[in-house]
Protein backbone atom coordinates (compact mmCIF):
# COMPACT_ATOMS: atom_id res chain seq x y z
CA MET A 1 -190.10 46.81 -99.15
CA ALA A 2 -189.64 49.89 -101.35
CA ASP A 3 -189.83 53.71 -101.96
CA TYR A 4 -191.28 56.65 -104.20
CA VAL A 5 -192.60 60.35 -104.86
CA GLU A 6 -196.15 61.63 -105.45
CA THR A 7 -195.42 63.43 -108.71
CA GLU A 8 -193.98 60.25 -110.20
CA LEU A 9 -197.13 58.35 -109.23
CA VAL A 10 -199.38 60.92 -110.90
CA GLU A 11 -197.19 60.86 -114.02
CA ALA A 12 -197.50 57.06 -114.21
CA GLU A 13 -200.85 57.49 -115.96
CA GLN A 14 -199.56 60.14 -118.37
CA SER A 15 -196.11 58.85 -119.31
CA PRO A 16 -194.17 55.58 -119.05
CA HIS A 17 -193.33 54.56 -115.52
CA PRO A 18 -189.55 54.12 -115.04
CA ALA A 19 -190.08 50.42 -114.46
CA ARG A 20 -191.97 50.17 -117.75
CA ARG A 21 -189.05 51.50 -119.75
CA THR A 22 -186.75 48.72 -118.54
CA PRO A 23 -188.31 45.27 -119.07
CA GLY A 24 -187.11 42.11 -117.38
CA ALA A 25 -188.38 40.35 -114.28
CA PHE A 26 -184.89 40.25 -112.70
CA ARG A 27 -183.51 43.59 -113.84
CA SER A 28 -182.83 44.77 -110.27
CA LEU A 29 -180.24 42.00 -109.92
CA ARG A 30 -177.96 43.86 -112.31
CA HIS A 31 -177.17 46.03 -109.29
CA ARG A 32 -174.35 44.12 -107.59
CA ASP A 33 -175.14 45.23 -104.06
CA PHE A 34 -178.82 44.39 -104.38
CA ALA A 35 -177.99 40.95 -105.80
CA ILE A 36 -175.71 40.19 -102.83
CA TYR A 37 -178.32 41.44 -100.35
CA TRP A 38 -181.10 39.50 -102.12
CA ILE A 39 -179.24 36.18 -101.97
CA GLY A 40 -178.52 36.62 -98.26
CA LEU A 41 -182.17 37.52 -97.71
CA ILE A 42 -183.35 34.26 -99.29
CA VAL A 43 -181.21 32.22 -96.90
CA SER A 44 -182.15 34.25 -93.82
CA THR A 45 -185.89 34.37 -94.46
CA THR A 46 -185.97 30.62 -95.08
CA GLY A 47 -184.62 30.16 -91.57
CA SER A 48 -187.08 32.71 -90.18
CA TRP A 49 -190.06 30.87 -91.67
CA MET A 50 -188.74 27.62 -90.24
CA GLN A 51 -188.66 29.25 -86.82
CA SER A 52 -192.15 30.72 -87.26
CA ALA A 53 -193.69 27.33 -88.06
CA ALA A 54 -191.83 25.56 -85.27
CA GLN A 55 -192.62 28.26 -82.70
CA GLY A 56 -196.35 28.15 -83.43
CA TRP A 57 -196.46 24.37 -83.25
CA LEU A 58 -194.48 24.31 -79.99
CA ALA A 59 -196.64 27.04 -78.43
CA TYR A 60 -199.79 25.03 -79.15
CA ASP A 61 -198.14 21.81 -77.96
CA LEU A 62 -197.24 23.45 -74.66
CA THR A 63 -200.56 25.20 -73.98
CA HIS A 64 -203.35 23.72 -76.17
CA ASN A 65 -204.79 27.22 -76.09
CA LYS A 66 -205.77 29.20 -79.21
CA PHE A 67 -205.68 32.51 -77.35
CA TYR A 68 -202.06 31.82 -76.41
CA LEU A 69 -201.21 31.48 -80.11
CA GLY A 70 -202.56 35.01 -80.52
CA ALA A 71 -200.66 36.17 -77.45
CA VAL A 72 -197.31 34.96 -78.84
CA THR A 73 -197.98 36.69 -82.16
CA ALA A 74 -199.04 39.83 -80.31
CA ALA A 75 -195.88 39.82 -78.20
CA GLY A 76 -193.84 39.75 -81.41
CA SER A 77 -195.58 42.82 -82.76
CA LEU A 78 -196.31 44.92 -79.67
CA PRO A 79 -192.92 46.72 -79.58
CA ILE A 80 -193.52 47.83 -83.17
CA LEU A 81 -196.69 49.58 -82.03
CA PHE A 82 -194.75 51.78 -79.62
CA LEU A 83 -191.34 52.17 -81.25
CA THR A 84 -191.61 52.07 -85.02
CA LEU A 85 -192.37 55.79 -85.48
CA HIS A 86 -189.20 56.62 -83.56
CA SER A 87 -187.22 54.05 -85.49
CA GLY A 88 -188.32 55.69 -88.74
CA VAL A 89 -186.63 58.91 -87.65
CA ILE A 90 -183.49 56.95 -86.78
CA ALA A 91 -183.55 55.33 -90.25
CA ASP A 92 -183.73 58.78 -91.85
CA ARG A 93 -180.89 60.13 -89.71
CA PHE A 94 -178.33 57.31 -89.79
CA SER A 95 -176.91 54.66 -92.10
CA LYS A 96 -179.67 52.17 -92.90
CA ARG A 97 -177.06 49.51 -93.64
CA LYS A 98 -175.42 49.84 -90.23
CA ILE A 99 -178.78 49.79 -88.46
CA THR A 100 -179.71 46.60 -90.30
CA ILE A 101 -176.42 44.90 -89.42
CA ILE A 102 -177.08 45.59 -85.74
CA THR A 103 -180.70 44.42 -85.85
CA GLN A 104 -179.91 41.23 -87.76
CA SER A 105 -177.19 40.43 -85.22
CA PHE A 106 -179.69 40.74 -82.37
CA ALA A 107 -182.08 38.50 -84.32
CA LEU A 108 -179.34 35.88 -84.44
CA VAL A 109 -179.03 36.12 -80.64
CA GLN A 110 -182.79 35.63 -80.22
CA ALA A 111 -182.85 32.49 -82.37
CA THR A 112 -179.81 31.10 -80.55
CA ALA A 113 -181.53 31.60 -77.19
CA LEU A 114 -184.62 29.73 -78.40
CA ALA A 115 -182.46 26.90 -79.74
CA ALA A 116 -180.53 26.58 -76.46
CA LEU A 117 -183.69 26.53 -74.32
CA ALA A 118 -185.22 23.86 -76.54
CA TYR A 119 -182.04 21.77 -76.68
CA PHE A 120 -181.81 21.63 -72.89
CA GLU A 121 -185.59 20.98 -72.63
CA MET A 122 -186.03 24.10 -70.52
CA ILE A 123 -188.41 26.06 -72.72
CA GLN A 124 -191.66 27.25 -71.15
CA PRO A 125 -194.60 29.21 -72.62
CA TRP A 126 -193.36 32.42 -71.02
CA HIS A 127 -190.01 31.99 -72.78
CA LEU A 128 -191.82 32.03 -76.11
CA LEU A 129 -193.66 35.20 -75.11
CA ALA A 130 -190.54 36.96 -73.86
CA LEU A 131 -188.36 36.07 -76.85
CA ALA A 132 -191.15 36.92 -79.27
CA GLY A 133 -191.30 40.33 -77.58
CA PHE A 134 -187.54 40.72 -77.95
CA MET A 135 -187.81 39.90 -81.66
CA GLY A 136 -190.56 42.48 -81.97
CA LEU A 137 -188.20 45.04 -80.47
CA VAL A 138 -185.58 44.11 -83.05
CA ASN A 139 -188.07 44.31 -85.92
CA ALA A 140 -189.30 47.73 -84.82
CA PHE A 141 -185.88 49.14 -85.79
CA ASP A 142 -185.05 46.66 -88.55
CA ILE A 143 -188.04 46.94 -90.86
CA PRO A 144 -188.12 50.70 -91.63
CA ALA A 145 -184.33 50.81 -92.16
CA ARG A 146 -184.23 47.66 -94.29
CA GLN A 147 -187.16 48.67 -96.47
CA ALA A 148 -185.94 52.23 -96.96
CA MET A 149 -182.51 50.88 -97.98
CA THR A 150 -184.00 49.40 -101.18
CA SER A 151 -183.83 52.64 -103.15
CA GLU A 152 -180.23 53.12 -102.02
CA LEU A 153 -179.38 49.76 -103.59
CA VAL A 154 -181.19 50.04 -106.95
CA GLY A 155 -182.29 53.66 -107.50
CA LYS A 156 -185.86 54.78 -108.03
CA GLU A 157 -186.12 53.46 -111.57
CA ASP A 158 -185.94 49.86 -110.33
CA VAL A 159 -187.68 50.14 -106.97
CA LEU A 160 -190.94 48.49 -108.06
CA ASN A 161 -189.02 45.56 -109.52
CA ALA A 162 -186.74 45.33 -106.47
CA VAL A 163 -189.74 45.30 -104.12
CA ALA A 164 -191.37 42.55 -106.17
CA LEU A 165 -188.15 40.49 -106.19
CA THR A 166 -187.71 40.98 -102.46
CA SER A 167 -191.29 39.83 -101.95
CA SER A 168 -190.61 36.84 -104.22
CA ALA A 169 -187.54 35.91 -102.18
CA PHE A 170 -189.48 36.32 -98.96
CA ASN A 171 -192.31 34.14 -100.20
CA GLY A 172 -190.08 31.57 -101.83
CA ALA A 173 -188.60 31.16 -98.35
CA ARG A 174 -192.14 31.07 -97.00
CA ILE A 175 -192.69 27.95 -99.09
CA ALA A 176 -189.44 26.19 -98.27
CA GLY A 177 -189.07 27.20 -94.60
CA PRO A 178 -192.31 25.80 -93.10
CA PHE A 179 -192.15 22.72 -95.31
CA ILE A 180 -188.61 21.92 -94.12
CA ALA A 181 -189.58 22.71 -90.53
CA GLY A 182 -192.50 20.28 -90.72
CA LEU A 183 -190.27 17.50 -92.02
CA ILE A 184 -187.67 18.17 -89.32
CA MET A 185 -190.25 18.11 -86.53
CA VAL A 186 -191.72 14.84 -87.79
CA ALA A 187 -188.23 13.35 -88.08
CA PHE A 188 -187.58 14.25 -84.44
CA GLY A 189 -190.81 12.63 -83.30
CA ALA A 190 -193.37 15.44 -83.02
CA SER A 191 -196.89 14.04 -82.63
CA VAL A 192 -200.09 14.94 -84.41
CA GLN A 193 -202.09 15.15 -81.21
CA GLY A 194 -199.42 17.10 -79.36
CA GLN A 195 -199.23 15.01 -76.17
CA THR A 196 -197.14 16.65 -73.47
CA HIS A 197 -196.37 13.65 -71.26
CA ALA A 198 -192.89 13.54 -69.74
CA LEU A 199 -191.82 10.64 -71.98
CA ASP A 200 -192.34 12.57 -75.22
CA ARG A 201 -191.28 16.01 -73.94
CA ALA A 202 -187.78 15.55 -75.39
CA ALA A 203 -189.23 14.76 -78.82
CA MET A 204 -191.52 17.77 -78.55
CA MET A 205 -188.50 20.02 -77.93
CA ARG A 206 -185.92 18.55 -80.31
CA GLY A 207 -187.66 19.28 -83.61
CA PRO A 208 -188.43 22.96 -82.94
CA GLY A 209 -184.98 23.33 -81.36
CA ALA A 210 -183.32 22.17 -84.57
CA CYS A 211 -185.39 24.69 -86.55
CA PHE A 212 -184.41 27.50 -84.17
CA PHE A 213 -180.72 26.58 -84.52
CA ILE A 214 -180.88 26.55 -88.33
CA ASN A 215 -182.52 29.97 -88.25
CA ALA A 216 -179.72 31.33 -86.07
CA ILE A 217 -177.11 30.12 -88.59
CA SER A 218 -179.10 31.55 -91.51
CA TYR A 219 -178.74 35.10 -90.20
CA LEU A 220 -175.03 34.92 -90.98
CA ALA A 221 -175.84 34.99 -94.72
CA VAL A 222 -177.59 38.36 -94.63
CA ILE A 223 -175.11 39.84 -92.11
CA ILE A 224 -172.14 38.89 -94.31
CA GLY A 225 -173.94 40.36 -97.33
CA LEU A 226 -174.58 43.62 -95.47
CA LEU A 227 -170.90 43.83 -94.51
CA ILE A 228 -169.92 43.53 -98.19
CA ILE A 229 -172.35 45.97 -99.83
CA ARG A 230 -172.06 49.76 -99.89
CA PRO A 231 -175.46 51.36 -100.63
CA LYS A 232 -175.59 54.84 -102.13
CA ARG A 233 -176.55 57.19 -99.32
CA LEU A 234 -179.53 59.42 -100.09
CA PRO A 235 -180.18 62.78 -98.35
CA ALA A 236 -180.58 62.29 -94.61
CA SER A 237 -182.85 64.26 -92.31
CA SER A 238 -181.37 66.74 -89.85
CA ARG A 239 -180.16 65.45 -86.50
CA ASP A 240 -180.61 68.89 -84.95
CA VAL A 241 -184.41 68.78 -85.09
CA ALA A 242 -186.26 67.18 -82.18
CA MET A 243 -187.32 63.58 -82.83
CA ARG A 244 -190.91 64.38 -81.87
CA SER A 245 -191.08 67.11 -84.51
CA GLN A 246 -189.71 64.77 -87.17
CA ILE A 247 -192.23 62.08 -86.25
CA GLN A 248 -195.02 64.63 -86.56
CA GLU A 249 -193.65 65.72 -89.93
CA GLY A 250 -193.75 62.15 -91.23
CA LEU A 251 -197.26 61.53 -89.88
CA ALA A 252 -198.54 64.80 -91.32
CA TYR A 253 -197.21 63.98 -94.78
CA ALA A 254 -198.54 60.41 -94.70
CA PHE A 255 -202.08 61.40 -93.76
CA LYS A 256 -202.18 64.54 -95.92
CA ASP A 257 -201.29 62.64 -99.07
CA PRO A 258 -204.52 60.96 -100.33
CA VAL A 259 -202.65 58.09 -101.97
CA ILE A 260 -200.69 57.13 -98.87
CA ARG A 261 -203.63 57.72 -96.54
CA GLY A 262 -205.98 55.41 -98.43
CA LEU A 263 -203.43 52.62 -98.67
CA LEU A 264 -202.58 52.90 -94.98
CA LEU A 265 -206.25 52.50 -94.05
CA LEU A 266 -206.61 49.40 -96.22
CA THR A 267 -203.38 48.00 -94.80
CA ALA A 268 -204.61 48.56 -91.24
CA VAL A 269 -207.78 46.56 -91.89
CA ALA A 270 -205.78 43.77 -93.55
CA SER A 271 -203.37 43.67 -90.60
CA ILE A 272 -206.06 43.44 -87.93
CA PHE A 273 -208.62 41.21 -89.63
CA GLY A 274 -207.01 39.46 -92.60
CA LEU A 275 -203.41 38.50 -92.09
CA GLN A 276 -203.96 37.04 -88.64
CA TYR A 277 -205.40 33.82 -90.06
CA THR A 278 -201.79 32.60 -90.03
CA THR A 279 -201.83 32.88 -86.22
CA LEU A 280 -204.44 30.11 -86.12
CA MET A 281 -202.64 27.78 -88.55
CA PRO A 282 -201.49 25.33 -85.82
CA ALA A 283 -205.03 25.11 -84.42
CA LEU A 284 -206.51 24.79 -87.92
CA ALA A 285 -204.07 21.96 -88.66
CA LYS A 286 -204.68 20.03 -85.43
CA ASP A 287 -208.33 20.67 -84.60
CA VAL A 288 -210.00 21.07 -88.01
CA LEU A 289 -207.85 19.24 -90.56
CA LYS A 290 -206.42 16.63 -88.11
CA ILE A 291 -202.90 16.80 -89.53
CA GLY A 292 -199.42 16.87 -88.02
CA PRO A 293 -196.50 19.32 -88.20
CA ASP A 294 -195.61 18.24 -91.72
CA GLY A 295 -199.16 19.16 -92.76
CA LEU A 296 -198.83 22.49 -90.98
CA GLY A 297 -195.63 23.14 -92.89
CA THR A 298 -197.45 22.44 -96.14
CA LEU A 299 -200.28 24.82 -95.20
CA MET A 300 -197.84 27.62 -94.45
CA ALA A 301 -195.90 26.83 -97.61
CA ALA A 302 -199.14 27.09 -99.61
CA ALA A 303 -199.53 30.72 -98.58
CA GLY A 304 -195.95 31.31 -99.64
CA LEU A 305 -196.55 29.62 -102.99
CA GLY A 306 -199.43 31.95 -103.76
CA ALA A 307 -197.47 34.98 -102.64
CA LEU A 308 -194.42 33.92 -104.64
CA ALA A 309 -196.55 33.58 -107.76
CA ALA A 310 -197.96 37.06 -107.16
CA GLY A 311 -194.50 38.51 -106.59
CA LEU A 312 -193.20 37.03 -109.85
CA PHE A 313 -196.32 38.28 -111.63
CA VAL A 314 -195.71 41.83 -110.42
CA ALA A 315 -191.98 41.64 -111.20
CA SER A 316 -192.47 40.35 -114.75
CA ILE A 317 -195.66 41.91 -116.12
CA GLY A 318 -196.99 44.09 -113.32
CA HIS A 319 -195.78 47.19 -115.19
CA ARG A 320 -198.45 46.56 -117.83
CA PHE A 321 -201.27 47.29 -115.38
CA LYS A 322 -202.28 50.31 -113.35
CA PRO A 323 -201.05 49.99 -109.74
CA ARG A 324 -204.57 50.90 -108.62
CA SER A 325 -206.02 47.92 -110.47
CA ILE A 326 -203.57 45.45 -108.92
CA VAL A 327 -204.20 46.81 -105.44
CA THR A 328 -207.98 46.62 -105.90
CA VAL A 329 -207.98 43.06 -107.25
CA GLY A 330 -205.62 41.83 -104.53
CA SER A 331 -207.57 43.47 -101.70
CA ILE A 332 -210.78 41.70 -102.85
CA TRP A 333 -209.18 38.42 -103.90
CA ALA A 334 -207.62 37.57 -100.51
CA PRO A 335 -210.71 37.92 -98.28
CA VAL A 336 -212.74 35.79 -100.70
CA GLY A 337 -210.20 33.04 -100.04
CA LEU A 338 -210.45 33.56 -96.28
CA ILE A 339 -214.22 33.19 -96.39
CA ALA A 340 -213.84 29.99 -98.42
CA VAL A 341 -211.41 28.48 -95.87
CA SER A 342 -213.96 29.06 -93.11
CA PHE A 343 -216.38 26.62 -94.76
CA ILE A 344 -213.92 23.86 -95.73
CA SER A 345 -212.63 20.90 -93.73
CA SER A 346 -210.86 19.17 -96.64
CA TYR A 347 -207.06 19.35 -96.46
CA PRO A 348 -206.46 19.56 -100.26
CA LEU A 349 -209.16 22.23 -100.73
CA THR A 350 -207.80 24.22 -97.80
CA ILE A 351 -204.35 24.19 -99.40
CA ALA A 352 -205.84 25.47 -102.66
CA CYS A 353 -207.68 28.28 -100.85
CA ILE A 354 -204.56 29.31 -98.95
CA VAL A 355 -202.60 29.53 -102.21
CA PHE A 356 -205.44 31.77 -103.44
CA ILE A 357 -205.20 33.94 -100.29
CA GLY A 358 -201.42 34.24 -100.56
CA PHE A 359 -201.66 35.41 -104.17
CA GLY A 360 -204.22 38.11 -103.39
CA MET A 361 -202.50 39.35 -100.24
CA MET A 362 -199.18 39.72 -102.01
CA MET A 363 -200.68 41.57 -104.96
CA PHE A 364 -202.12 44.08 -102.52
CA LEU A 365 -199.16 44.33 -100.14
CA ALA A 366 -196.29 44.43 -102.66
CA VAL A 367 -197.84 47.01 -104.98
CA SER A 368 -199.27 49.18 -102.21
CA ASN A 369 -195.82 49.18 -100.57
CA SER A 370 -194.25 50.27 -103.85
CA ILE A 371 -196.83 53.03 -104.34
CA ILE A 372 -196.20 54.37 -100.84
CA GLN A 373 -192.46 54.42 -101.44
CA VAL A 374 -192.92 56.24 -104.76
CA ALA A 375 -195.09 58.80 -103.01
CA SER A 376 -192.46 59.45 -100.30
CA PRO A 377 -189.73 62.12 -100.56
CA ASP A 378 -186.21 60.80 -99.96
CA GLU A 379 -185.76 62.68 -96.70
CA LEU A 380 -189.07 61.38 -95.31
CA ARG A 381 -189.07 57.84 -96.64
CA GLY A 382 -187.90 56.12 -93.46
CA ARG A 383 -190.55 57.88 -91.41
CA ILE A 384 -193.36 57.21 -93.86
CA LEU A 385 -192.36 53.56 -94.11
CA SER A 386 -192.33 53.46 -90.33
CA VAL A 387 -195.96 54.65 -90.40
CA ARG A 388 -196.75 51.81 -92.79
CA THR A 389 -194.90 49.40 -90.50
CA PHE A 390 -196.95 50.80 -87.61
CA VAL A 391 -200.27 50.01 -89.27
CA PHE A 392 -199.07 46.77 -90.91
CA MET A 393 -197.24 45.18 -87.97
CA GLY A 394 -197.87 47.50 -85.02
CA LEU A 395 -201.61 46.86 -85.17
CA ALA A 396 -201.05 43.12 -85.56
CA PRO A 397 -201.17 42.52 -81.75
CA VAL A 398 -204.73 43.82 -81.74
CA GLY A 399 -205.66 41.44 -84.53
CA ALA A 400 -203.76 38.49 -83.06
CA LEU A 401 -205.37 38.82 -79.64
CA LEU A 402 -208.77 39.41 -81.22
CA ILE A 403 -208.67 36.39 -83.53
CA GLY A 404 -207.25 34.21 -80.74
CA ALA A 405 -210.08 35.20 -78.40
CA VAL A 406 -212.77 34.73 -81.06
CA ALA A 407 -211.32 31.33 -82.02
CA GLU A 408 -211.32 30.21 -78.39
CA LEU A 409 -214.99 31.23 -78.02
CA ALA A 410 -216.48 30.49 -81.45
CA GLY A 411 -213.99 28.19 -83.16
CA VAL A 412 -211.11 28.56 -85.59
CA GLN A 413 -213.17 28.75 -88.79
CA LYS A 414 -215.66 31.28 -87.42
CA ALA A 415 -212.77 33.56 -86.44
CA ILE A 416 -211.33 33.31 -89.97
CA LEU A 417 -214.79 33.96 -91.47
CA TYR A 418 -215.33 37.16 -89.49
CA GLY A 419 -211.89 38.45 -90.48
CA GLY A 420 -212.55 37.72 -94.15
CA ILE A 421 -215.88 39.56 -94.09
CA ALA A 422 -214.29 42.65 -92.49
CA CYS A 423 -211.52 42.74 -95.12
CA LEU A 424 -213.92 42.22 -98.02
CA ALA A 425 -216.20 45.01 -96.80
CA SER A 426 -213.33 47.50 -96.58
CA ALA A 427 -211.93 46.47 -99.98
CA LEU A 428 -215.31 46.92 -101.67
CA PHE A 429 -215.77 50.29 -99.96
CA PHE A 430 -212.54 51.61 -101.45
CA ALA A 431 -213.06 49.92 -104.82
CA LEU A 432 -216.51 51.49 -105.25
CA ARG A 433 -215.44 55.02 -104.36
CA PRO A 434 -215.98 57.47 -107.24
CA ASN A 435 -212.22 57.98 -107.64
CA GLY A 436 -211.44 54.28 -107.40
CA SER A 437 -209.40 52.52 -104.75
CA PRO A 438 -207.84 53.93 -102.34
CA ASP A 439 -208.54 57.64 -102.66
CA SER A 440 -206.81 58.81 -105.85
CA VAL A 441 -204.34 55.98 -106.46
CA GLN A 442 -203.52 55.82 -110.13
């Protein structure tokens, strides 16, 4: 989540980067509005990760089908594929804060609907698909506006640090949320084997339902924070120009700029082949590691632990390294971990590998996001971030369906192996280019 301009990126090699002149891992929190937003984000994302873990476990309990796990993930990302470029224009035209208040309110409604269906033991697989699709619709408008709002809260000099802190908050919640969800589901009687007999159907619903309800309440924290803050509005794009023309303008800039173009290509490969290992976590937990929902929560928390460590690393000493170097190391580091997971059936070793994966993924994603924002003019930032959202989340349905189908045919670990190989090949291709990774990233 962040923003930038090409000339500043080029100057990063020749003169001190703004972030380098102001040390301190938590310096962005000196901005009152960002601090309020950041605290609300921690609470909200903890609830979201609880819901994510519970939803995956419930989907697999209801269907026992790995492809269906991919289908639910795909449903949550498909609207982004079709709408995010348009939502980027909207983020550039209107108040990003107001857009985010609306989207977070709709997210609260979605979580409440899931909680109610589970509480009354009415939830069916198609409900999960439909409500995941609704959440995807919400995210299509939420993500570009929320990410582009970062520079309005802290200014460009602290964007890299703010992005790293936001990632740290997100991944701290990624540790706590699934872990808490696993404990709640066990407390409510969820089974390791996932039986779906009538007698245990209530237990199967109660645990996830409690997680969905807690997530709904957690959205109030970020909504209240958004109502309090007043971000500094940056120049907005014209509302008199046709939306199609503004979309084309954003796409043209993103793919003309060698820095943004290279990072977008790497991000697309990571989205399709690398990040989707999380889709198979419930199947990995049940079928390979033979563990219950508490074990699943720990697996998901392990990825968050690695990502949190990477986020804190970037926030505290990331300014000492070239952004290109961090991106290159992260893009190679993560797929090595994926390949390792595909050969392991030990629960402790799998946890260690997932921590490894989370660290590498976050090094790549957080710094590449920051670079893209630095390389984006103020008036185009929402649109360029919407292009990144398009390749990062909009292409996720392709990856989710693909890894679900491969897992159903060849097994969970083979699907993870193939994804890791694809990501490693693309990372090495960019790293070994004469100008370094990706294109001319400094």
